[in-house]
């Protein structure tokens, strides 16, 4: 009987762990990995961001040039 009770208690604890705490641990692990990745590759993120900003500004400049010179 003790073995059955022990099995039920262990099953309940595993169920509680997998339904609540496991998701917290997975989320925390993902967050830590994202922060570590950003710390390791922040230079690449900054370079890509600057490149994207340059492309956006160049596109805006071309669009403004076409708008200003289409009536002439």
PDB file of N, CA and C in Angstrom:
ATOM      1  N   UNK A   1       0.833  -1.205   0.000  1.00  0.00           N
ATOM      2  CA  UNK A   1       0.000   0.000   0.000  1.00  0.00           C
ATOM      3  C   UNK A   1       0.866   1.252   0.000  1.00  0.00           C
ATOM      4  N   UNK A   2       1.978   1.186   0.738  1.00  0.00           N
ATOM      5  CA  UNK A   2       2.846   2.358   0.789  1.00  0.00           C
ATOM      6  C   UNK A   2       3.440   2.650  -0.591  1.00  0.00           C
ATOM      7  N   UNK A   3       3.723   1.578  -1.314  1.00  0.00           N
ATOM      8  CA  UNK A   3       4.283   1.760  -2.649  1.00  0.00           C
ATOM      9  C   UNK A   3       3.274   2.446  -3.577  1.00  0.00           C
ATOM     10  N   UNK A   4       2.010   2.101  -3.464  1.00  0.00           N
ATOM     11  CA  UNK A   4       0.979   2.729  -4.286  1.00  0.00           C
ATOM     12  C   UNK A   4       0.825   4.201  -3.914  1.00  0.00           C
ATOM     13  N   UNK A   5       0.814   4.478  -2.605  1.00  0.00           N
ATOM     14  CA  UNK A   5       0.707   5.868  -2.161  1.00  0.00           C
ATOM     15  C   UNK A   5       1.912   6.689  -2.604  1.00  0.00           C
ATOM     16  N   UNK A   6       3.097   6.098  -2.473  1.00  0.00           N
ATOM     17  CA  UNK A   6       4.310   6.786  -2.902  1.00  0.00           C
ATOM     18  C   UNK A   6       4.271   7.061  -4.403  1.00  0.00           C
ATOM     19  N   UNK A   7       3.797   6.108  -5.189  1.00  0.00           N
ATOM     20  CA  UNK A   7       3.690   6.272  -6.634  1.00  0.00           C
ATOM     21  C   UNK A   7       2.707   7.388  -6.983  1.00  0.00           C
ATOM     22  N   UNK A   8       1.604   7.454  -6.246  1.00  0.00           N
ATOM     23  CA  UNK A   8       0.619   8.520  -6.495  1.00  0.00           C
ATOM     24  C   UNK A   8       1.215   9.880  -6.164  1.00  0.00           C
ATOM     25  N   UNK A   9       1.930   9.984  -5.052  1.00  0.00           N
ATOM     26  CA  UNK A   9       2.545  11.264  -4.664  1.00  0.00           C
ATOM     27  C   UNK A   9       3.594  11.689  -5.693  1.00  0.00           C
ATOM     28  N   UNK A  10       4.437  10.741  -6.104  1.00  0.00           N
ATOM     29  CA  UNK A  10       5.455  11.056  -7.118  1.00  0.00           C
ATOM     30  C   UNK A  10       4.793  11.453  -8.427  1.00  0.00           C
ATOM     31  N   UNK A  11       3.743  10.741  -8.820  1.00  0.00           N
ATOM     32  CA  UNK A  11       3.018  11.090 -10.048  1.00  0.00           C
ATOM     33  C   UNK A  11       2.425  12.483  -9.975  1.00  0.00           C
ATOM     34  N   UNK A  12       1.878  12.828  -8.818  1.00  0.00           N
ATOM     35  CA  UNK A  12       1.294  14.162  -8.641  1.00  0.00           C
ATOM     36  C   UNK A  12       2.373  15.239  -8.722  1.00  0.00           C
ATOM     37  N   UNK A  13       3.532  14.990  -8.095  1.00  0.00           N
ATOM     38  CA  UNK A  13       4.626  15.962  -8.143  1.00  0.00           C
ATOM     39  C   UNK A  13       5.152  16.137  -9.569  1.00  0.00           C
ATOM     40  N   UNK A  14       5.283  15.031 -10.309  1.00  0.00           N
ATOM     41  CA  UNK A  14       5.733  15.113 -11.706  1.00  0.00           C
ATOM     42  C   UNK A  14       4.713  15.876 -12.532  1.00  0.00           C
ATOM     43  N   UNK A  15       3.433  15.614 -12.296  1.00  0.00           N
ATOM     44  CA  UNK A  15       2.383  16.326 -13.025  1.00  0.00           C
ATOM     45  C   UNK A  15       2.451  17.823 -12.745  1.00  0.00           C
ATOM     46  N   UNK A  16       2.605  18.183 -11.472  1.00  0.00           N
ATOM     47  CA  UNK A  16       2.700  19.605 -11.121  1.00  0.00           C
ATOM     48  C   UNK A  16       3.933  20.242 -11.768  1.00  0.00           C
ATOM     49  N   UNK A  17       5.043  19.528 -11.746  1.00  0.00           N
ATOM     50  CA  UNK A  17       6.270  20.063 -12.331  1.00  0.00           C
ATOM     51  C   UNK A  17       6.107  20.288 -13.828  1.00  0.00           C
ATOM     52  N   UNK A  18       5.557  19.295 -14.534  1.00  0.00           N
ATOM     53  CA  UNK A  18       5.455  19.402 -15.982  1.00  0.00           C
ATOM     54  C   UNK A  18       4.379  20.375 -16.429  1.00  0.00           C
ATOM     55  N   UNK A  19       3.409  20.679 -15.576  1.00  0.00           N
ATOM     56  CA  UNK A  19       2.366  21.604 -16.007  1.00  0.00           C
ATOM     57  C   UNK A  19       2.674  23.044 -15.629  1.00  0.00           C
ATOM     58  N   UNK A  20       3.542  23.283 -14.660  1.00  0.00           N
ATOM     59  CA  UNK A  20       3.795  24.658 -14.257  1.00  0.00           C
ATOM     60  C   UNK A  20       5.277  25.018 -14.337  1.00  0.00           C
ATOM     61  N   UNK A  21       6.089  24.355 -13.552  1.00  0.00           N
ATOM     62  CA  UNK A  21       7.481  24.784 -13.419  1.00  0.00           C
ATOM     63  C   UNK A  21       8.300  24.511 -14.663  1.00  0.00           C
ATOM     64  N   UNK A  22       7.967  23.457 -15.389  1.00  0.00           N
ATOM     65  CA  UNK A  22       8.734  23.155 -16.595  1.00  0.00           C
ATOM     66  C   UNK A  22       8.647  24.307 -17.593  1.00  0.00           C
ATOM     67  N   UNK A  23       7.462  24.899 -17.733  1.00  0.00           N
ATOM     68  CA  UNK A  23       7.308  26.003 -18.676  1.00  0.00           C
ATOM     69  C   UNK A  23       8.064  27.238 -18.207  1.00  0.00           C
ATOM     70  N   UNK A  24       8.122  27.456 -16.888  1.00  0.00           N
ATOM     71  CA  UNK A  24       8.920  28.572 -16.370  1.00  0.00           C
ATOM     72  C   UNK A  24      10.407  28.342 -16.657  1.00  0.00           C
ATOM     73  N   UNK A  25      10.879  27.105 -16.454  1.00  0.00           N
ATOM     74  CA  UNK A  25      12.289  26.810 -16.710  1.00  0.00           C
ATOM     75  C   UNK A  25      12.620  26.933 -18.194  1.00  0.00           C
ATOM     76  N   UNK A  26      11.738  26.483 -19.061  1.00  0.00           N
ATOM     77  CA  UNK A  26      11.964  26.609 -20.504  1.00  0.00           C
ATOM     78  C   UNK A  26      12.003  28.079 -20.902  1.00  0.00           C
ATOM     79  N   UNK A  27      11.051  28.860 -20.405  1.00  0.00           N
ATOM     80  CA  UNK A  27      11.034  30.295 -20.714  1.00  0.00           C
ATOM     81  C   UNK A  27      12.265  31.011 -20.206  1.00  0.00           C
ATOM     82  N   UNK A  28      12.689  30.665 -18.992  1.00  0.00           N
ATOM     83  CA  UNK A  28      13.885  31.285 -18.429  1.00  0.00           C
ATOM     84  C   UNK A  28      15.122  30.898 -19.230  1.00  0.00           C
ATOM     85  N   UNK A  29      15.191  29.632 -19.649  1.00  0.00           N
ATOM     86  CA  UNK A  29      16.329  29.189 -20.460  1.00  0.00           C
ATOM     87  C   UNK A  29      16.378  29.902 -21.798  1.00  0.00           C
ATOM     88  N   UNK A  30      15.229  30.090 -22.430  1.00  0.00           N
ATOM     89  CA  UNK A  30      15.184  30.825 -23.697  1.00  0.00           C
ATOM     90  C   UNK A  30      15.630  32.265 -23.489  1.00  0.00           C
ATOM     91  N   UNK A  31      15.158  32.893 -22.419  1.00  0.00           N
ATOM     92  CA  UNK A  31      15.542  34.273 -22.127  1.00  0.00           C
ATOM     93  C   UNK A  31      17.037  34.403 -21.902  1.00  0.00           C
ATOM     94  N   UNK A  32      17.610  33.502 -21.126  1.00  0.00           N
ATOM     95  CA  UNK A  32      19.054  33.529 -20.870  1.00  0.00           C
ATOM     96  C   UNK A  32      19.832  33.323 -22.165  1.00  0.00           C
ATOM     97  N   UNK A  33      19.378  32.412 -23.022  1.00  0.00           N
ATOM     98  CA  UNK A  33      20.070  32.181 -24.297  1.00  0.00           C
ATOM     99  C   UNK A  33      19.984  33.393 -25.213  1.00  0.00           C
ATOM    100  N   UNK A  34      18.843  34.061 -25.245  1.00  0.00           N
ATOM    101  CA  UNK A  34      18.715  35.259 -26.074  1.00  0.00           C
ATOM    102  C   UNK A  34      19.646  36.360 -25.569  1.00  0.00           C
ATOM    103  N   UNK A  35      19.710  36.540 -24.253  1.00  0.00           N
ATOM    104  CA  UNK A  35      20.604  37.562 -23.697  1.00  0.00           C
ATOM    105  C   UNK A  35      22.061  37.213 -23.990  1.00  0.00           C
ATOM    106  N   UNK A  36      22.439  35.955 -23.821  1.00  0.00           N
ATOM    107  CA  UNK A  36      23.821  35.533 -24.099  1.00  0.00           C
ATOM    108  C   UNK A  36      24.146  35.707 -25.580  1.00  0.00           C
ATOM    109  N   UNK A  37      23.191  35.367 -26.468  1.00  0.00           N
ATOM    110  CA  UNK A  37      23.423  35.532 -27.898  1.00  0.00           C
ATOM    111  C   UNK A  37      23.594  37.002 -28.240  1.00  0.00           C
ATOM    112  N   UNK A  38      22.777  37.859 -27.616  1.00  0.00           N
ATOM    113  CA  UNK A  38      22.899  39.291 -27.892  1.00  0.00           C
ATOM    114  C   UNK A  38      24.227  39.830 -27.396  1.00  0.00           C
ATOM    115  N   UNK A  39      24.694  39.361 -26.245  1.00  0.00           N
ATOM    116  CA  UNK A  39      25.985  39.815 -25.738  1.00  0.00           C
ATOM    117  C   UNK A  39      27.126  39.353 -26.638  1.00  0.00           C
ATOM    118  N   UNK A  40      26.993  38.160 -27.197  1.00  0.00           N
ATOM    119  CA  UNK A  40      28.070  37.630 -28.037  1.00  0.00           C
ATOM    120  C   UNK A  40      28.061  38.247 -29.427  1.00  0.00           C
ATOM    121  N   UNK A  41      26.868  38.544 -29.961  1.00  0.00           N
ATOM    122  CA  UNK A  41      26.773  39.001 -31.342  1.00  0.00           C
ATOM    123  C   UNK A  41      26.143  40.381 -31.465  1.00  0.00           C
ATOM    124  N   UNK A  42      26.285  41.213 -30.431  1.00  0.00           N
ATOM    125  CA  UNK A  42      25.672  42.540 -30.501  1.00  0.00           C
ATOM    126  C   UNK A  42      26.300  43.382 -31.612  1.00  0.00           C
ATOM    127  N   UNK A  43      27.577  43.158 -31.899  1.00  0.00           N
ATOM    128  CA  UNK A  43      28.213  43.909 -32.981  1.00  0.00           C
ATOM    129  C   UNK A  43      27.542  43.611 -34.318  1.00  0.00           C
ATOM    130  N   UNK A  44      27.154  42.355 -34.532  1.00  0.00           N
ATOM    131  CA  UNK A  44      26.492  41.994 -35.787  1.00  0.00           C
ATOM    132  C   UNK A  44      25.099  42.618 -35.863  1.00  0.00           C
ATOM    133  N   UNK A  45      24.401  42.634 -34.738  1.00  0.00           N
ATOM    134  CA  UNK A  45      23.068  43.238 -34.711  1.00  0.00           C
ATOM    135  C   UNK A  45      23.167  44.730 -34.995  1.00  0.00           C
ATOM    136  N   UNK A  46      24.159  45.391 -34.427  1.00  0.00           N
ATOM    137  CA  UNK A  46      24.345  46.829 -34.660  1.00  0.00           C
ATOM    138  C   UNK A  46      24.709  47.079 -36.122  1.00  0.00           C
ATOM    139  N   UNK A  47      25.582  46.239 -36.695  1.00  0.00           N
ATOM    140  CA  UNK A  47      25.966  46.412 -38.099  1.00  0.00           C
ATOM    141  C   UNK A  47      24.761  46.224 -39.019  1.00  0.00           C
ATOM    142  N   UNK A  48      23.960  45.178 -38.767  1.00  0.00           N
ATOM    143  CA  UNK A  48      22.775  44.933 -39.602  1.00  0.00           C
ATOM    144  C   UNK A  48      21.782  46.071 -39.443  1.00  0.00           C
ATOM    145  N   UNK A  49      21.629  46.573 -38.220  1.00  0.00           N
ATOM    146  CA  UNK A  49      20.719  47.698 -37.984  1.00  0.00           C
ATOM    147  C   UNK A  49      21.156  48.951 -38.715  1.00  0.00           C
ATOM    148  N   UNK A  50      22.447  49.257 -38.670  1.00  0.00           N
ATOM    149  CA  UNK A  50      22.958  50.436 -39.385  1.00  0.00           C
ATOM    150  C   UNK A  50      22.794  50.271 -40.896  1.00  0.00           C
ATOM    151  N   UNK A  51      23.047  49.079 -41.401  1.00  0.00           N
ATOM    152  CA  UNK A  51      22.890  48.819 -42.827  1.00  0.00           C
ATOM    153  C   UNK A  51      21.432  48.969 -43.254  1.00  0.00           C
ATOM    154  N   UNK A  52      20.521  48.452 -42.438  1.00  0.00           N
ATOM    155  CA  UNK A  52      19.094  48.579 -42.744  1.00  0.00           C
ATOM    156  C   UNK A  52      18.650  50.035 -42.695  1.00  0.00           C
ATOM    157  N   UNK A  53      19.169  50.795 -41.735  1.00  0.00           N
ATOM    158  CA  UNK A  53      18.842  52.214 -41.644  1.00  0.00           C
ATOM    159  C   UNK A  53      19.364  52.965 -42.866  1.00  0.00           C
ATOM    160  N   UNK A  54      20.579  52.635 -43.314  1.00  0.00           N
ATOM    161  CA  UNK A  54      21.130  53.286 -44.502  1.00  0.00           C
ATOM    162  C   UNK A  54      20.289  52.976 -45.730  1.00  0.00           C
ATOM    163  N   UNK A  55      19.850  51.736 -45.879  1.00  0.00           N
ATOM    164  CA  UNK A  55      19.006  51.374 -47.022  1.00  0.00           C
ATOM    165  C   UNK A  55      17.681  52.124 -46.967  1.00  0.00           C
ATOM    166  N   UNK A  56      17.086  52.210 -45.769  1.00  0.00           N
ATOM    167  CA  UNK A  56      15.808  52.909 -45.637  1.00  0.00           C
ATOM    168  C   UNK A  56      15.946  54.388 -45.962  1.00  0.00           C
ATOM    169  N   UNK A  57      17.006  55.017 -45.487  1.00  0.00           N
ATOM    170  CA  UNK A  57      17.211  56.443 -45.770  1.00  0.00           C
ATOM    171  C   UNK A  57      17.500  56.671 -47.247  1.00  0.00           C
ATOM    172  N   UNK A  58      18.271  55.782 -47.863  1.00  0.00           N
ATOM    173  CA  UNK A  58      18.557  55.919 -49.285  1.00  0.00           C
ATOM    174  C   UNK A  58      17.280  55.750 -50.114  1.00  0.00           C
ATOM    175  N   UNK A  59      16.434  54.800 -49.736  1.00  0.00           N
ATOM    176  CA  UNK A  59      15.158  54.614 -50.423  1.00  0.00           C
ATOM    177  C   UNK A  59      14.273  55.840 -50.278  1.00  0.00           C
ATOM    178  N   UNK A  60      14.246  56.417 -49.090  1.00  0.00           N
ATOM    179  CA  UNK A  60      13.462  57.636 -48.855  1.00  0.00           C
ATOM    180  C   UNK A  60      13.994  58.803 -49.689  1.00  0.00           C
ATOM    181  N   UNK A  61      15.317  58.905 -49.781  1.00  0.00           N
ATOM    182  CA  UNK A  61      15.904  59.980 -50.576  1.00  0.00           C
ATOM    183  C   UNK A  61      15.559  59.814 -52.058  1.00  0.00           C
ATOM    184  N   UNK A  62      15.621  58.596 -52.576  1.00  0.00           N
ATOM    185  CA  UNK A  62      15.274  58.359 -53.982  1.00  0.00           C
ATOM    186  C   UNK A  62      13.802  58.691 -54.216  1.00  0.00           C
ATOM    187  N   UNK A  63      12.926  58.280 -53.300  1.00  0.00           N
ATOM    188  CA  UNK A  63      11.496  58.556 -53.447  1.00  0.00           C
ATOM    189  C   UNK A  63      11.242  60.071 -53.433  1.00  0.00           C
ATOM    190  N   UNK A  64      11.891  60.781 -52.535  1.00  0.00           N
ATOM    191  CA  UNK A  64      11.718  62.244 -52.492  1.00  0.00           C
ATOM    192  C   UNK A  64      12.252  62.899 -53.753  1.00  0.00           C
ATOM    193  N   UNK A  65      13.364  62.395 -54.272  1.00  0.00           N
ATOM    194  CA  UNK A  65      13.922  62.945 -55.504  1.00  0.00           C
ATOM    195  C   UNK A  65      12.936  62.759 -56.656  1.00  0.00           C
ATOM    196  N   UNK A  66      12.352  61.572 -56.766  1.00  0.00           N
ATOM    197  CA  UNK A  66      11.390  61.319 -57.843  1.00  0.00           C
ATOM    198  C   UNK A  66      10.146  62.186 -57.696  1.00  0.00           C
ATOM    199  N   UNK A  67       9.687  62.361 -56.464  1.00  0.00           N
ATOM    200  CA  UNK A  67       8.504  63.194 -56.242  1.00  0.00           C
ATOM    201  C   UNK A  67       8.791  64.648 -56.610  1.00  0.00           C
ATOM    202  N   UNK A  68       9.958  65.157 -56.259  1.00  0.00           N
ATOM    203  CA  UNK A  68      10.272  66.565 -56.531  1.00  0.00           C
ATOM    204  C   UNK A  68      10.540  66.821 -58.007  1.00  0.00           C
ATOM    205  N   UNK A  69      11.027  65.821 -58.736  1.00  0.00           N
ATOM    206  CA  UNK A  69      11.420  66.058 -60.122  1.00  0.00           C
ATOM    207  C   UNK A  69      10.448  65.469 -61.146  1.00  0.00           C
ATOM    208  N   UNK A  70       9.329  64.966 -60.741  1.00  0.00           N
ATOM    209  CA  UNK A  70       8.419  64.404 -61.732  1.00  0.00           C
ATOM    210  C   UNK A  70       7.601  65.460 -62.451  1.00  0.00           C
ATOM    211  N   UNK A  71       7.432  66.628 -61.874  1.00  0.00           N
ATOM    212  CA  UNK A  71       6.626  67.681 -62.501  1.00  0.00           C
ATOM    213  C   UNK A  71       7.421  68.531 -63.469  1.00  0.00           C
ATOM    214  N   UNK A  72       8.748  68.364 -63.503  1.00  0.00           N
ATOM    215  CA  UNK A  72       9.566  69.227 -64.354  1.00  0.00           C
ATOM    216  C   UNK A  72       9.768  68.650 -65.734  1.00  0.00           C
TER     217      UNK A  72
END
